[in-house]
Amino acid sequence: PRSTQSRSSAASDVYKRQLFSSLQAKQEELQQVITQSVEDCVFIIESRLKDVEDFKISLEIVDDKVRQEIDNMSTVDEIKRDLDKLLSICLLYTSPSPRDS
């Protein structure tokens, strides 16, 4: 029975080493998958952030153009007011028609 115990113990040791080696390989594989996933996520986030920054710049450009248009519109309104004032001052004089007598 002593020889049986040592063979059983040796088999158990071999099994434990194989199990540990297999677990270690799985851990390394999982670590690679996690690392790749994190790198992919970082790439996607950086791309989205760049898109957001580009969008903000586009909004600023559009905002500037809209503000310029609004400024131009107020100038047009001022011109219309001035024109209305001028037209209200201008009187048309007509001489009496011979038919009016």
N, C-alpha and C. Protein backbone atom coordinates (compact mmCIF):
# COMPACT_ATOMS: atom_id res chain seq x y z
N PRO A 1 0.80 -1.20 0.00
CA PRO A 1 0.00 0.00 0.00
C PRO A 1 0.84 1.27 0.00
N ARG A 2 2.09 1.22 0.52
CA ARG A 2 2.91 2.43 0.45
C ARG A 2 3.20 2.79 -1.00
N SER A 3 3.49 1.81 -1.82
CA SER A 3 3.78 2.08 -3.22
C SER A 3 2.54 2.62 -3.92
N THR A 4 1.37 2.16 -3.56
CA THR A 4 0.13 2.65 -4.13
C THR A 4 -0.07 4.11 -3.76
N GLN A 5 0.22 4.46 -2.51
CA GLN A 5 0.06 5.85 -2.06
C GLN A 5 1.00 6.78 -2.82
N SER A 6 2.23 6.35 -3.02
CA SER A 6 3.16 7.24 -3.69
C SER A 6 2.79 7.39 -5.17
N ARG A 7 2.27 6.31 -5.80
CA ARG A 7 1.83 6.46 -7.19
C ARG A 7 0.62 7.38 -7.27
N SER A 8 -0.27 7.23 -6.33
CA SER A 8 -1.46 8.09 -6.28
C SER A 8 -1.05 9.54 -6.03
N SER A 9 -0.10 9.70 -5.13
CA SER A 9 0.39 11.04 -4.82
C SER A 9 1.10 11.64 -6.03
N ALA A 10 1.89 10.82 -6.71
CA ALA A 10 2.59 11.30 -7.90
C ALA A 10 1.58 11.69 -8.99
N ALA A 11 0.57 10.88 -9.18
CA ALA A 11 -0.47 11.17 -10.18
C ALA A 11 -1.20 12.46 -9.81
N SER A 12 -1.47 12.63 -8.53
CA SER A 12 -2.14 13.83 -8.06
C SER A 12 -1.27 15.06 -8.33
N ASP A 13 0.04 14.93 -8.09
CA ASP A 13 0.96 16.04 -8.35
C ASP A 13 0.98 16.40 -9.84
N VAL A 14 1.02 15.37 -10.70
CA VAL A 14 1.02 15.60 -12.14
C VAL A 14 -0.28 16.31 -12.55
N TYR A 15 -1.41 15.83 -12.02
CA TYR A 15 -2.71 16.42 -12.32
C TYR A 15 -2.74 17.90 -11.88
N LYS A 16 -2.22 18.15 -10.70
CA LYS A 16 -2.20 19.53 -10.17
C LYS A 16 -1.34 20.43 -11.06
N ARG A 17 -0.17 19.90 -11.49
CA ARG A 17 0.69 20.71 -12.36
C ARG A 17 0.01 20.98 -13.69
N GLN A 18 -0.65 19.96 -14.27
CA GLN A 18 -1.36 20.15 -15.53
C GLN A 18 -2.50 21.16 -15.37
N LEU A 19 -3.22 21.04 -14.28
CA LEU A 19 -4.33 21.95 -14.01
C LEU A 19 -3.81 23.38 -13.84
N PHE A 20 -2.73 23.52 -13.07
CA PHE A 20 -2.14 24.85 -12.86
C PHE A 20 -1.64 25.43 -14.18
N SER A 21 -0.98 24.62 -14.98
CA SER A 21 -0.47 25.08 -16.28
C SER A 21 -1.62 25.49 -17.19
N SER A 22 -2.69 24.71 -17.20
CA SER A 22 -3.85 25.02 -18.02
C SER A 22 -4.52 26.32 -17.54
N LEU A 23 -4.65 26.47 -16.23
CA LEU A 23 -5.23 27.70 -15.68
C LEU A 23 -4.37 28.92 -15.99
N GLN A 24 -3.07 28.73 -15.92
CA GLN A 24 -2.15 29.82 -16.21
C GLN A 24 -2.27 30.24 -17.69
N ALA A 25 -2.38 29.26 -18.58
CA ALA A 25 -2.54 29.56 -20.01
C ALA A 25 -3.87 30.27 -20.26
N LYS A 26 -4.94 29.81 -19.61
CA LYS A 26 -6.24 30.46 -19.76
C LYS A 26 -6.20 31.89 -19.23
N GLN A 27 -5.49 32.10 -18.12
CA GLN A 27 -5.37 33.44 -17.54
C GLN A 27 -4.63 34.37 -18.51
N GLU A 28 -3.56 33.87 -19.11
CA GLU A 28 -2.82 34.68 -20.08
C GLU A 28 -3.68 35.00 -21.30
N GLU A 29 -4.43 34.01 -21.78
CA GLU A 29 -5.32 34.22 -22.91
C GLU A 29 -6.40 35.25 -22.57
N LEU A 30 -6.97 35.12 -21.38
CA LEU A 30 -8.00 36.06 -20.94
C LEU A 30 -7.41 37.46 -20.79
N GLN A 31 -6.21 37.54 -20.29
CA GLN A 31 -5.54 38.85 -20.15
C GLN A 31 -5.34 39.50 -21.51
N GLN A 32 -4.97 38.71 -22.51
CA GLN A 32 -4.80 39.25 -23.87
C GLN A 32 -6.13 39.76 -24.43
N VAL A 33 -7.19 38.99 -24.20
CA VAL A 33 -8.51 39.39 -24.67
C VAL A 33 -8.95 40.68 -23.99
N ILE A 34 -8.73 40.77 -22.68
CA ILE A 34 -9.10 41.98 -21.93
C ILE A 34 -8.29 43.17 -22.42
N THR A 35 -6.99 42.98 -22.58
CA THR A 35 -6.12 44.07 -23.05
C THR A 35 -6.57 44.55 -24.43
N GLN A 36 -6.85 43.62 -25.34
CA GLN A 36 -7.31 44.00 -26.68
C GLN A 36 -8.65 44.72 -26.61
N SER A 37 -9.55 44.23 -25.76
CA SER A 37 -10.86 44.87 -25.61
C SER A 37 -10.72 46.29 -25.08
N VAL A 38 -9.85 46.47 -24.10
CA VAL A 38 -9.63 47.80 -23.54
C VAL A 38 -9.04 48.72 -24.60
N GLU A 39 -8.07 48.22 -25.36
CA GLU A 39 -7.46 49.03 -26.42
C GLU A 39 -8.51 49.41 -27.48
N ASP A 40 -9.38 48.46 -27.83
CA ASP A 40 -10.45 48.74 -28.79
C ASP A 40 -11.40 49.81 -28.24
N CYS A 41 -11.75 49.69 -26.97
CA CYS A 41 -12.64 50.66 -26.34
C CYS A 41 -11.99 52.05 -26.31
N VAL A 42 -10.73 52.10 -25.97
CA VAL A 42 -10.02 53.38 -25.94
C VAL A 42 -10.00 54.00 -27.33
N PHE A 43 -9.74 53.19 -28.34
CA PHE A 43 -9.73 53.69 -29.72
C PHE A 43 -11.09 54.26 -30.11
N ILE A 44 -12.14 53.53 -29.78
CA ILE A 44 -13.50 53.97 -30.11
C ILE A 44 -13.82 55.27 -29.37
N ILE A 45 -13.50 55.33 -28.10
CA ILE A 45 -13.77 56.53 -27.30
C ILE A 45 -12.99 57.72 -27.85
N GLU A 46 -11.72 57.51 -28.17
CA GLU A 46 -10.92 58.61 -28.73
C GLU A 46 -11.50 59.08 -30.06
N SER A 47 -11.96 58.14 -30.88
CA SER A 47 -12.58 58.50 -32.16
C SER A 47 -13.85 59.31 -31.93
N ARG A 48 -14.66 58.87 -30.98
CA ARG A 48 -15.91 59.58 -30.68
C ARG A 48 -15.61 60.96 -30.12
N LEU A 49 -14.59 61.06 -29.28
CA LEU A 49 -14.22 62.37 -28.72
C LEU A 49 -13.77 63.31 -29.84
N LYS A 50 -13.02 62.76 -30.79
CA LYS A 50 -12.59 63.58 -31.93
C LYS A 50 -13.81 64.03 -32.72
N ASP A 51 -14.78 63.11 -32.92
CA ASP A 51 -16.01 63.47 -33.62
C ASP A 51 -16.76 64.57 -32.87
N VAL A 52 -16.80 64.46 -31.54
CA VAL A 52 -17.48 65.47 -30.73
C VAL A 52 -16.76 66.82 -30.86
N GLU A 53 -15.43 66.79 -30.81
CA GLU A 53 -14.67 68.04 -30.95
C GLU A 53 -14.90 68.66 -32.34
N ASP A 54 -14.89 67.81 -33.37
CA ASP A 54 -15.16 68.30 -34.73
C ASP A 54 -16.57 68.90 -34.81
N PHE A 55 -17.52 68.24 -34.16
CA PHE A 55 -18.90 68.73 -34.16
C PHE A 55 -18.99 70.07 -33.43
N LYS A 56 -18.27 70.19 -32.31
CA LYS A 56 -18.27 71.47 -31.57
C LYS A 56 -17.70 72.59 -32.44
N ILE A 57 -16.62 72.30 -33.14
CA ILE A 57 -16.02 73.30 -34.02
C ILE A 57 -17.02 73.68 -35.12
N SER A 58 -17.70 72.69 -35.68
CA SER A 58 -18.70 72.96 -36.71
C SER A 58 -19.82 73.83 -36.16
N LEU A 59 -20.26 73.52 -34.95
CA LEU A 59 -21.31 74.32 -34.32
C LEU A 59 -20.86 75.75 -34.10
N GLU A 60 -19.61 75.91 -33.69
CA GLU A 60 -19.09 77.26 -33.49
C GLU A 60 -19.07 78.04 -34.80
N ILE A 61 -18.68 77.38 -35.87
CA ILE A 61 -18.64 78.03 -37.19
C ILE A 61 -20.06 78.42 -37.60
N VAL A 62 -20.99 77.48 -37.44
CA VAL A 62 -22.39 77.77 -37.79
C VAL A 62 -22.93 78.88 -36.91
N ASP A 63 -22.61 78.83 -35.62
CA ASP A 63 -23.07 79.86 -34.69
C ASP A 63 -22.56 81.23 -35.11
N ASP A 64 -21.29 81.30 -35.49
CA ASP A 64 -20.72 82.57 -35.97
C ASP A 64 -21.45 83.06 -37.21
N LYS A 65 -21.72 82.15 -38.14
CA LYS A 65 -22.42 82.54 -39.37
C LYS A 65 -23.84 83.02 -39.07
N VAL A 66 -24.50 82.32 -38.16
CA VAL A 66 -25.86 82.72 -37.79
C VAL A 66 -25.83 84.10 -37.13
N ARG A 67 -24.87 84.32 -36.25
CA ARG A 67 -24.75 85.63 -35.60
C ARG A 67 -24.50 86.73 -36.64
N GLN A 68 -23.65 86.45 -37.61
CA GLN A 68 -23.39 87.43 -38.66
C GLN A 68 -24.67 87.73 -39.45
N GLU A 69 -25.42 86.68 -39.74
CA GLU A 69 -26.68 86.88 -40.47
C GLU A 69 -27.66 87.70 -39.64
N ILE A 70 -27.72 87.42 -38.36
CA ILE A 70 -28.59 88.18 -37.47
C ILE A 70 -28.15 89.64 -37.45
N ASP A 71 -26.85 89.87 -37.38
CA ASP A 71 -26.34 91.24 -37.41
C ASP A 71 -26.72 91.92 -38.72
N ASN A 72 -26.60 91.20 -39.82
CA ASN A 72 -26.98 91.76 -41.12
C ASN A 72 -28.48 92.05 -41.18
N MET A 73 -29.27 91.18 -40.59
CA MET A 73 -30.70 91.40 -40.58
C MET A 73 -31.05 92.67 -39.81
N SER A 74 -30.39 92.90 -38.71
CA SER A 74 -30.68 94.12 -37.96
C SER A 74 -30.29 95.34 -38.79
N THR A 75 -29.25 95.24 -39.57
CA THR A 75 -28.84 96.33 -40.45
C THR A 75 -29.92 96.57 -41.51
N VAL A 76 -30.47 95.52 -42.05
CA VAL A 76 -31.54 95.63 -43.03
C VAL A 76 -32.76 96.28 -42.38
N ASP A 77 -33.08 95.90 -41.16
CA ASP A 77 -34.20 96.51 -40.44
C ASP A 77 -33.98 98.01 -40.24
N GLU A 78 -32.77 98.36 -39.92
CA GLU A 78 -32.45 99.79 -39.74
C GLU A 78 -32.64 100.54 -41.05
N ILE A 79 -32.20 99.97 -42.14
CA ILE A 79 -32.34 100.60 -43.45
C ILE A 79 -33.83 100.76 -43.79
N LYS A 80 -34.62 99.74 -43.49
CA LYS A 80 -36.06 99.82 -43.75
C LYS A 80 -36.69 100.95 -42.94
N ARG A 81 -36.32 101.07 -41.69
CA ARG A 81 -36.85 102.15 -40.85
C ARG A 81 -36.48 103.52 -41.43
N ASP A 82 -35.21 103.64 -41.81
CA ASP A 82 -34.75 104.91 -42.39
C ASP A 82 -35.50 105.22 -43.69
N LEU A 83 -35.70 104.21 -44.50
CA LEU A 83 -36.43 104.40 -45.75
C LEU A 83 -37.86 104.82 -45.48
N ASP A 84 -38.50 104.17 -44.52
CA ASP A 84 -39.87 104.54 -44.14
C ASP A 84 -39.94 105.99 -43.69
N LYS A 85 -38.96 106.42 -42.91
CA LYS A 85 -38.91 107.82 -42.46
C LYS A 85 -38.80 108.75 -43.65
N LEU A 86 -37.90 108.43 -44.57
CA LEU A 86 -37.72 109.26 -45.75
C LEU A 86 -38.99 109.32 -46.59
N LEU A 87 -39.63 108.20 -46.75
CA LEU A 87 -40.85 108.16 -47.57
C LEU A 87 -41.99 108.93 -46.91
N SER A 88 -42.03 108.93 -45.62
CA SER A 88 -43.10 109.66 -44.94
C SER A 88 -42.89 111.17 -45.03
N ILE A 89 -41.66 111.61 -45.19
CA ILE A 89 -41.33 113.03 -45.31
C ILE A 89 -41.60 113.52 -46.72
N CYS A 90 -41.37 112.68 -47.69
CA CYS A 90 -41.49 113.07 -49.09
C CYS A 90 -42.98 113.20 -49.44
N LEU A 91 -43.36 114.39 -49.89
CA LEU A 91 -44.74 114.64 -50.30
C LEU A 91 -44.78 114.83 -51.80
N LEU A 92 -45.82 114.35 -52.36
CA LEU A 92 -45.99 114.52 -53.80
C LEU A 92 -46.96 115.67 -54.01
N TYR A 93 -46.49 116.67 -54.72
CA TYR A 93 -47.36 117.84 -54.98
C TYR A 93 -47.83 117.76 -56.41
N THR A 94 -49.09 117.94 -56.56
CA THR A 94 -49.64 118.00 -57.92
C THR A 94 -50.44 119.29 -58.03
N SER A 95 -50.34 119.87 -59.17
CA SER A 95 -51.11 121.10 -59.40
C SER A 95 -52.56 120.74 -59.69
N PRO A 96 -53.41 121.65 -59.41
CA PRO A 96 -54.82 121.35 -59.69
C PRO A 96 -55.07 121.13 -61.18
N SER A 97 -55.88 120.24 -61.43
CA SER A 97 -56.23 119.93 -62.82
C SER A 97 -57.30 120.91 -63.29
N PRO A 98 -57.29 121.24 -64.56
CA PRO A 98 -58.34 122.12 -65.06
C PRO A 98 -59.73 121.50 -64.85
N ARG A 99 -59.78 120.24 -64.77
CA ARG A 99 -61.07 119.57 -64.54
C ARG A 99 -61.57 119.79 -63.13
N ASP A 100 -60.64 120.10 -62.19
CA ASP A 100 -61.02 120.31 -60.81
C ASP A 100 -61.76 121.63 -60.62
N SER A 101 -61.69 122.56 -61.52
CA SER A 101 -62.29 123.89 -61.33
C SER A 101 -63.76 123.91 -61.57
